[in-house]
Amino acid sequence: MASAVVQVFGQPASTDVARVMACLLERNLEFQLVRTDTFRRGHKIPEFVKMRDLSGKVVLKHGDTTLSDSRDICRYVCTEFPRWCTKDLYGAGALERASIEKWLQAEAQSFDAPSAALAFHLAFARRPVRVSSPATSPHDDKDEDVEEEERHAATVSESERRLARVLDVYDEALGRSAYLAGDEFTLADLSHLPNAHYVACADARGRALLASRGNVARWYAAISARPAWRQVVSAQARSAHYPCAFQATDSPQ
């Protein structure tokens, strides 16, 4: 089945789609990206895509196989296709794979939620411009604005605090090796790229958080400069759903 066409359905700006694209590009595998952000009325989206796409998720179709979890898709890509595609991303033996899996679990269970929340609140959840209505006074509007700003600041601080605790653990581990699972780039590192990219691009505060830990800063600079990931970022920039807030550099410096 390895010779069947690989189709990826989704929006490149989605972190799940970006993760899958990066994995396929790292493995030098040809695939067809079906950009669901370009569908218009009258164009039929496959039934198995409809529900997943509502939440910006990804779907991979390969022959009779259909998968819709980005991390499982990456595991599938690394095990289904022959090694000659590129260097192995998922470990050459049981011990290497166990180390990679440990960090994949850390990304999914510890890194994903606070990094996604921080990027969202820095880039999107800013206080909107309020227009006074005849039923409210400017003083009432000002009080609501202050309360909203305080809630926003508290949410950002909490997300930043949670992510900082995770990065402390990462910084210690990265002091012992170039990458999370050893001295070679693997799926463990790749899986962090989508959210880390948005944290770095959302706001100077996000970039400062990554830069504040020397080993994390070095690691992120290395993985975000990989040609496969730069191709993903270029595809995201052309997406109708890629927010202008993320057009800035993703360098943590």
Protein backbone atom coordinates (compact mmCIF):
# COMPACT_ATOMS: atom_id res chain seq x y z
CA MET A 1 0.00 0.00 0.00
CA ALA A 2 3.02 2.29 0.24
CA SER A 3 2.61 3.11 -3.46
CA ALA A 4 -0.92 4.50 -2.97
CA VAL A 5 -1.39 8.26 -3.13
CA VAL A 6 -1.13 9.99 0.25
CA GLN A 7 -3.77 12.70 0.67
CA VAL A 8 -3.82 15.22 3.50
CA PHE A 9 -7.05 17.13 4.07
CA GLY A 10 -6.99 20.32 6.10
CA GLN A 11 -5.83 23.90 6.48
CA PRO A 12 -2.05 24.43 6.63
CA ALA A 13 -2.52 27.02 9.39
CA SER A 14 -3.88 24.26 11.64
CA THR A 15 -1.22 22.96 14.01
CA ASP A 16 -2.33 19.38 13.37
CA VAL A 17 -2.03 19.77 9.60
CA ALA A 18 1.34 21.50 9.99
CA ARG A 19 2.63 18.61 12.10
CA VAL A 20 1.66 16.05 9.45
CA MET A 21 3.03 18.12 6.59
CA ALA A 22 6.36 18.55 8.38
CA CYS A 23 6.63 14.80 8.92
CA LEU A 24 5.87 13.99 5.29
CA LEU A 25 8.32 16.61 4.04
CA GLU A 26 11.05 15.40 6.41
CA ARG A 27 10.59 11.93 4.97
CA ASN A 28 10.71 13.28 1.40
CA LEU A 29 7.36 11.66 0.68
CA GLU A 30 5.10 12.95 -2.06
CA PHE A 31 1.59 13.79 -0.93
CA GLN A 32 -1.46 15.67 -2.13
CA LEU A 33 -2.60 18.50 0.14
CA VAL A 34 -6.34 19.02 -0.23
CA ARG A 35 -6.77 22.47 1.24
CA THR A 36 -10.22 22.56 2.79
CA ASP A 37 -9.91 26.33 3.23
CA THR A 38 -10.26 26.66 -0.56
CA PHE A 39 -13.52 24.72 -0.89
CA ARG A 40 -16.50 26.77 -1.97
CA ARG A 41 -20.20 26.03 -2.14
CA GLY A 42 -20.81 23.45 -4.83
CA HIS A 43 -17.50 21.65 -4.20
CA LYS A 44 -18.03 18.38 -2.39
CA ILE A 45 -15.81 17.67 0.60
CA PRO A 46 -15.43 13.92 1.28
CA GLU A 47 -17.75 12.73 4.03
CA PHE A 48 -14.94 11.49 6.29
CA VAL A 49 -13.40 14.97 6.27
CA LYS A 50 -16.44 17.05 7.16
CA MET A 51 -16.63 16.49 10.91
CA ARG A 52 -12.88 16.66 11.48
CA ASP A 53 -12.47 19.84 9.46
CA LEU A 54 -15.02 21.70 11.56
CA SER A 55 -12.44 21.95 14.34
CA GLY A 56 -9.43 22.57 12.10
CA LYS A 57 -8.14 19.02 12.41
CA VAL A 58 -6.32 16.91 9.87
CA VAL A 59 -7.29 13.79 7.94
CA LEU A 60 -4.86 11.52 6.11
CA LYS A 61 -6.09 9.12 3.44
CA HIS A 62 -3.71 6.44 2.16
CA GLY A 63 -5.32 3.62 0.24
CA ASP A 64 -7.84 1.98 2.57
CA THR A 65 -6.36 3.72 5.63
CA THR A 66 -7.94 6.87 7.05
CA LEU A 67 -6.44 8.54 10.13
CA SER A 68 -7.42 11.74 11.92
CA ASP A 69 -5.01 12.21 14.84
CA SER A 70 -1.92 14.14 13.81
CA ARG A 71 0.48 12.31 16.12
CA ASP A 72 -0.84 8.91 15.10
CA ILE A 73 -0.52 9.98 11.47
CA CYS A 74 3.13 10.85 12.04
CA ARG A 75 3.74 7.46 13.65
CA TYR A 76 2.05 5.81 10.69
CA VAL A 77 4.16 7.77 8.20
CA CYS A 78 7.34 6.74 10.01
CA THR A 79 6.46 3.04 10.12
CA GLU A 80 4.51 2.47 6.89
CA PHE A 81 7.05 3.77 4.41
CA PRO A 82 10.51 2.32 3.62
CA ARG A 83 13.61 3.70 5.31
CA TRP A 84 15.17 4.85 2.06
CA CYS A 85 12.83 7.85 2.02
CA THR A 86 15.10 9.64 4.49
CA LYS A 87 16.77 9.22 7.88
CA ASP A 88 14.55 7.53 10.40
CA LEU A 89 12.53 9.89 12.61
CA TYR A 90 11.04 7.29 14.91
CA GLY A 91 14.06 5.41 16.23
CA ALA A 92 16.08 2.50 14.90
CA GLY A 93 15.44 0.26 17.90
CA ALA A 94 13.21 -0.27 20.91
CA LEU A 95 15.25 1.94 23.25
CA GLU A 96 15.40 4.86 20.82
CA ARG A 97 11.69 4.59 20.10
CA ALA A 98 10.86 4.49 23.81
CA SER A 99 12.76 7.74 24.34
CA ILE A 100 10.98 9.36 21.41
CA GLU A 101 7.61 8.19 22.70
CA LYS A 102 8.36 9.67 26.13
CA TRP A 103 8.77 13.11 24.58
CA LEU A 104 5.82 12.68 22.25
CA GLN A 105 3.71 12.05 25.33
CA ALA A 106 5.25 15.07 27.04
CA GLU A 107 4.36 17.23 24.05
CA ALA A 108 0.77 15.99 23.90
CA GLN A 109 0.09 16.01 27.65
CA SER A 110 2.22 18.87 29.02
CA PHE A 111 3.40 21.20 26.24
CA ASP A 112 0.39 21.33 23.92
CA ALA A 113 -2.27 22.92 26.12
CA PRO A 114 -0.30 25.80 27.72
CA SER A 115 1.54 26.66 24.49
CA ALA A 116 -1.70 26.72 22.49
CA ALA A 117 -3.42 28.84 25.14
CA LEU A 118 -0.55 31.31 25.34
CA ALA A 119 -0.30 31.73 21.57
CA PHE A 120 -4.06 32.19 21.27
CA HIS A 121 -4.38 34.77 24.02
CA LEU A 122 -1.34 36.74 22.87
CA ALA A 123 -2.41 36.84 19.23
CA PHE A 124 -6.20 36.67 19.18
CA ALA A 125 -7.76 37.42 22.55
CA ARG A 126 -6.85 41.06 22.66
CA ARG A 127 -9.34 43.59 23.93
CA PRO A 128 -11.59 44.69 21.04
CA VAL A 129 -12.34 48.33 20.34
CA ARG A 130 -15.58 49.14 22.10
CA VAL A 131 -18.13 51.57 20.68
CA SER A 132 -20.32 53.30 23.25
CA SER A 133 -24.06 52.88 22.83
CA PRO A 134 -26.71 55.41 23.90
CA ALA A 135 -27.72 53.07 26.73
CA THR A 136 -24.28 53.09 28.34
CA SER A 137 -22.06 55.86 29.57
CA PRO A 138 -18.36 56.21 28.69
CA HIS A 139 -17.65 55.52 32.36
CA ASP A 140 -19.43 52.14 32.16
CA ASP A 141 -17.50 51.25 29.01
CA LYS A 142 -14.23 52.17 30.69
CA ASP A 143 -14.99 49.93 33.67
CA GLU A 144 -15.82 47.01 31.38
CA ASP A 145 -12.66 47.61 29.38
CA VAL A 146 -10.54 47.55 32.53
CA GLU A 147 -12.16 44.33 33.73
CA GLU A 148 -11.70 42.70 30.35
CA GLU A 149 -8.08 43.79 30.18
CA GLU A 150 -7.45 42.39 33.66
CA ARG A 151 -9.02 39.04 32.73
CA HIS A 152 -6.91 38.90 29.58
CA ALA A 153 -3.72 39.70 31.48
CA ALA A 154 -4.49 37.06 34.11
CA THR A 155 -5.12 34.41 31.46
CA VAL A 156 -1.88 35.23 29.65
CA SER A 157 0.09 35.15 32.90
CA GLU A 158 -1.36 31.78 33.90
CA SER A 159 -0.65 30.24 30.47
CA GLU A 160 2.86 31.69 30.57
CA ARG A 161 3.45 30.29 34.05
CA ARG A 162 2.29 26.80 33.05
CA LEU A 163 4.41 26.78 29.91
CA ALA A 164 7.45 28.10 31.79
CA ARG A 165 7.32 25.10 34.14
CA VAL A 166 7.35 22.76 31.14
CA LEU A 167 10.21 24.65 29.50
CA ASP A 168 12.27 24.36 32.68
CA VAL A 169 12.12 20.57 32.33
CA TYR A 170 12.95 20.79 28.64
CA ASP A 171 15.88 23.11 29.25
CA GLU A 172 17.42 20.66 31.69
CA ALA A 173 17.00 17.74 29.29
CA LEU A 174 18.39 19.74 26.37
CA GLY A 175 21.47 20.48 28.43
CA ARG A 176 22.34 16.79 28.09
CA SER A 177 21.69 16.32 24.36
CA ALA A 178 21.21 18.38 21.21
CA TYR A 179 17.61 17.23 20.78
CA LEU A 180 14.95 15.89 23.10
CA ALA A 181 15.48 12.18 22.47
CA GLY A 182 19.23 12.31 21.82
CA ASP A 183 21.67 13.92 19.43
CA GLU A 184 19.54 13.40 16.32
CA PHE A 185 16.39 15.24 15.22
CA THR A 186 13.37 12.96 15.63
CA LEU A 187 9.61 12.97 15.70
CA ALA A 188 9.85 14.08 19.33
CA ASP A 189 11.24 17.43 18.22
CA LEU A 190 9.10 17.75 15.11
CA SER A 191 5.87 17.36 17.05
CA HIS A 192 6.65 20.51 19.07
CA LEU A 193 7.18 22.74 16.04
CA PRO A 194 3.60 23.89 15.25
CA ASN A 195 2.78 25.27 18.70
CA ALA A 196 6.30 26.54 19.38
CA HIS A 197 6.15 28.44 16.08
CA TYR A 198 2.91 30.16 17.07
CA VAL A 199 4.24 31.02 20.52
CA ALA A 200 7.31 32.60 18.94
CA CYS A 201 5.32 34.51 16.32
CA ALA A 202 2.35 35.59 18.41
CA ASP A 203 4.05 38.30 20.41
CA ALA A 204 7.43 39.46 21.72
CA ARG A 205 6.41 38.00 25.07
CA GLY A 206 6.24 34.52 23.57
CA ARG A 207 9.62 34.91 21.88
CA ALA A 208 11.13 36.13 25.13
CA LEU A 209 9.84 33.07 26.97
CA LEU A 210 11.58 30.73 24.52
CA ALA A 211 14.74 32.84 24.52
CA SER A 212 14.93 32.98 28.32
CA ARG A 213 16.15 29.39 28.50
CA GLY A 214 19.41 28.95 26.64
CA ASN A 215 19.10 25.28 25.77
CA VAL A 216 15.49 25.67 24.65
CA ALA A 217 16.43 28.71 22.54
CA ARG A 218 19.25 26.80 20.83
CA TRP A 219 17.01 23.78 20.23
CA TYR A 220 14.14 25.82 18.82
CA ALA A 221 16.46 27.79 16.53
CA ALA A 222 17.79 24.51 15.14
CA ILE A 223 14.48 22.73 14.58
CA SER A 224 12.62 25.77 13.22
CA ALA A 225 15.35 26.33 10.61
CA ARG A 226 14.93 22.90 9.04
CA PRO A 227 14.03 23.11 5.33
CA ALA A 228 10.96 20.90 5.75
CA TRP A 229 9.53 23.19 8.42
CA ARG A 230 10.27 26.32 6.39
CA GLN A 231 8.19 24.79 3.59
CA VAL A 232 5.32 24.34 6.02
CA VAL A 233 5.58 27.96 7.20
CA SER A 234 5.51 29.14 3.57
CA ALA A 235 2.35 27.10 2.96
CA GLN A 236 0.78 28.55 6.11
CA ALA A 237 1.49 32.10 4.98
CA ARG A 238 -0.52 31.42 1.81
CA SER A 239 -3.46 30.02 3.76
CA ALA A 240 -6.70 31.96 4.01
CA HIS A 241 -6.79 31.04 7.71
CA TYR A 242 -3.26 32.13 8.60
CA PRO A 243 -3.61 35.10 10.99
CA CYS A 244 -1.71 38.26 10.12
CA ALA A 245 -0.49 38.35 13.73
CA PHE A 246 1.79 35.45 12.86
CA GLN A 247 3.51 37.08 9.89
CA ALA A 248 6.41 38.14 12.11
CA THR A 249 9.67 36.30 12.57
CA ASP A 250 9.65 33.17 14.68
CA SER A 251 13.19 33.65 15.92
CA PRO A 252 13.32 33.43 19.72
CA GLN A 253 16.15 35.93 19.88
